[in-house]
């Protein structure tokens, strides 16, 4: 009788530990983001994206991805990612540059993981 209880107890501990694994890393979220449009002689149309990323989890590396999306056609024109270390409970400002085409209308998006 003790063996089934031991196996059941180990299984329960494994399930509980697997559920807590998500608690050991960063928990990032985008607090604020904005983009400014500029024209560069060498690159053409560029968008400078600024985002504030808050980490509500533990210290760790966070990947920040910015996308430039064509408004008319809906495809991603450019995508840039950067990895930053954010201590627990802190906020970091991240700046990324995206390339567009003159004469097109775009929107930007920022996501973290």
Protein backbone atom coordinates (compact mmCIF):
# COMPACT_ATOMS: atom_id res chain seq x y z
CA UNK A 1 0.00 0.00 0.00
CA UNK A 2 2.86 2.39 0.71
CA UNK A 3 4.37 2.06 -2.77
CA UNK A 4 1.31 3.50 -4.66
CA UNK A 5 1.13 6.39 -2.19
CA UNK A 6 4.84 7.09 -2.64
CA UNK A 7 4.49 7.05 -6.44
CA UNK A 8 1.43 9.30 -6.25
CA UNK A 9 3.30 11.68 -3.93
CA UNK A 10 6.31 11.86 -6.26
CA UNK A 11 4.03 12.46 -9.24
CA UNK A 12 2.26 15.31 -7.38
CA UNK A 13 5.61 16.87 -6.44
CA UNK A 14 6.77 16.66 -10.07
CA UNK A 15 3.60 18.37 -11.35
CA UNK A 16 3.90 21.10 -8.71
CA UNK A 17 7.57 21.70 -9.53
CA UNK A 18 6.83 21.84 -13.27
CA UNK A 19 4.17 24.49 -12.64
CA UNK A 20 6.59 26.62 -10.62
CA UNK A 21 9.35 26.62 -13.24
CA UNK A 22 7.75 29.70 -14.81
CA UNK A 23 8.30 31.58 -11.55
CA UNK A 24 12.09 31.36 -11.63
CA UNK A 25 12.71 33.75 -14.54
CA UNK A 26 11.86 37.26 -15.58
CA UNK A 27 8.25 38.33 -16.15
CA UNK A 28 8.57 41.22 -18.63
CA UNK A 29 5.87 43.52 -19.94
CA UNK A 30 5.86 46.55 -22.22
CA UNK A 31 4.89 49.55 -20.09
CA UNK A 32 5.11 52.15 -22.84
CA UNK A 33 6.30 52.35 -26.43
CA UNK A 34 6.54 54.97 -29.15
CA UNK A 35 8.04 55.41 -32.61
CA UNK A 36 9.35 58.44 -34.46
CA UNK A 37 9.77 58.59 -38.22
CA UNK A 38 12.90 59.99 -39.83
CA UNK A 39 14.44 60.09 -43.29
CA UNK A 40 18.07 59.08 -43.65
CA UNK A 41 20.10 59.71 -46.81
CA UNK A 42 21.79 56.32 -46.50
CA UNK A 43 18.80 54.18 -45.37
CA UNK A 44 15.71 56.03 -46.55
CA UNK A 45 12.78 55.91 -44.14
CA UNK A 46 13.63 54.77 -40.60
CA UNK A 47 11.52 54.38 -37.48
CA UNK A 48 13.19 54.84 -34.11
CA UNK A 49 11.22 52.73 -31.63
CA UNK A 50 11.57 53.32 -27.90
CA UNK A 51 10.04 50.98 -25.33
CA UNK A 52 10.00 50.80 -21.56
CA UNK A 53 10.13 47.22 -20.34
CA UNK A 54 9.23 46.35 -16.75
CA UNK A 55 10.33 43.09 -15.13
CA UNK A 56 7.83 41.85 -12.54
CA UNK A 57 9.68 38.52 -12.15
CA UNK A 58 13.22 37.57 -11.19
CA UNK A 59 16.49 38.91 -12.63
CA UNK A 60 17.13 37.72 -16.17
CA UNK A 61 17.54 38.25 -19.87
CA UNK A 62 14.54 39.52 -21.79
CA UNK A 63 14.15 39.49 -25.58
CA UNK A 64 12.53 42.65 -26.95
CA UNK A 65 11.23 42.46 -30.54
CA UNK A 66 10.01 45.44 -32.56
CA UNK A 67 8.17 45.05 -35.87
CA UNK A 68 7.29 47.52 -38.59
CA UNK A 69 4.01 46.44 -40.18
CA UNK A 70 2.72 47.71 -43.54
CA UNK A 71 -0.71 49.23 -42.84
CA UNK A 72 -2.15 48.53 -46.28
CA UNK A 73 -0.87 45.01 -46.92
CA UNK A 74 -0.47 43.79 -43.33
CA UNK A 75 2.97 42.20 -43.72
CA UNK A 76 6.00 42.77 -41.52
CA UNK A 77 8.38 45.09 -43.39
CA UNK A 78 11.20 44.91 -40.82
CA UNK A 79 11.83 43.15 -37.51
CA UNK A 80 14.61 43.68 -34.97
CA UNK A 81 15.25 41.90 -31.66
CA UNK A 82 17.61 42.65 -28.83
CA UNK A 83 18.30 40.82 -25.57
CA UNK A 84 18.66 42.90 -22.40
CA UNK A 85 19.26 41.98 -18.78
CA UNK A 86 16.64 43.42 -16.43
CA UNK A 87 16.93 43.00 -12.65
CA UNK A 88 13.82 42.03 -10.68
CA UNK A 89 11.36 44.88 -10.21
CA UNK A 90 13.19 47.27 -12.52
CA UNK A 91 12.34 49.00 -15.79
CA UNK A 92 14.67 49.43 -18.77
CA UNK A 93 14.38 51.68 -21.80
CA UNK A 94 15.18 49.92 -25.08
CA UNK A 95 15.73 51.67 -28.44
CA UNK A 96 15.53 49.88 -31.80
CA UNK A 97 15.67 51.12 -35.39
CA UNK A 98 13.46 49.74 -38.15
CA UNK A 99 13.74 50.38 -41.90
CA UNK A 100 10.74 51.25 -44.07
CA UNK A 101 10.01 52.36 -47.62
CA UNK A 102 9.20 55.96 -48.46
CA UNK A 103 5.60 56.33 -49.61
CA UNK A 104 4.22 53.51 -47.40
CA UNK A 105 2.27 53.79 -44.14
CA UNK A 106 3.38 51.67 -41.21
CA UNK A 107 2.50 50.86 -37.64
CA UNK A 108 4.91 49.41 -35.11
CA UNK A 109 4.55 46.72 -32.47
CA UNK A 110 6.75 45.75 -29.53
CA UNK A 111 6.66 42.43 -27.69
CA UNK A 112 8.76 40.80 -25.00
CA UNK A 113 9.54 37.27 -23.91
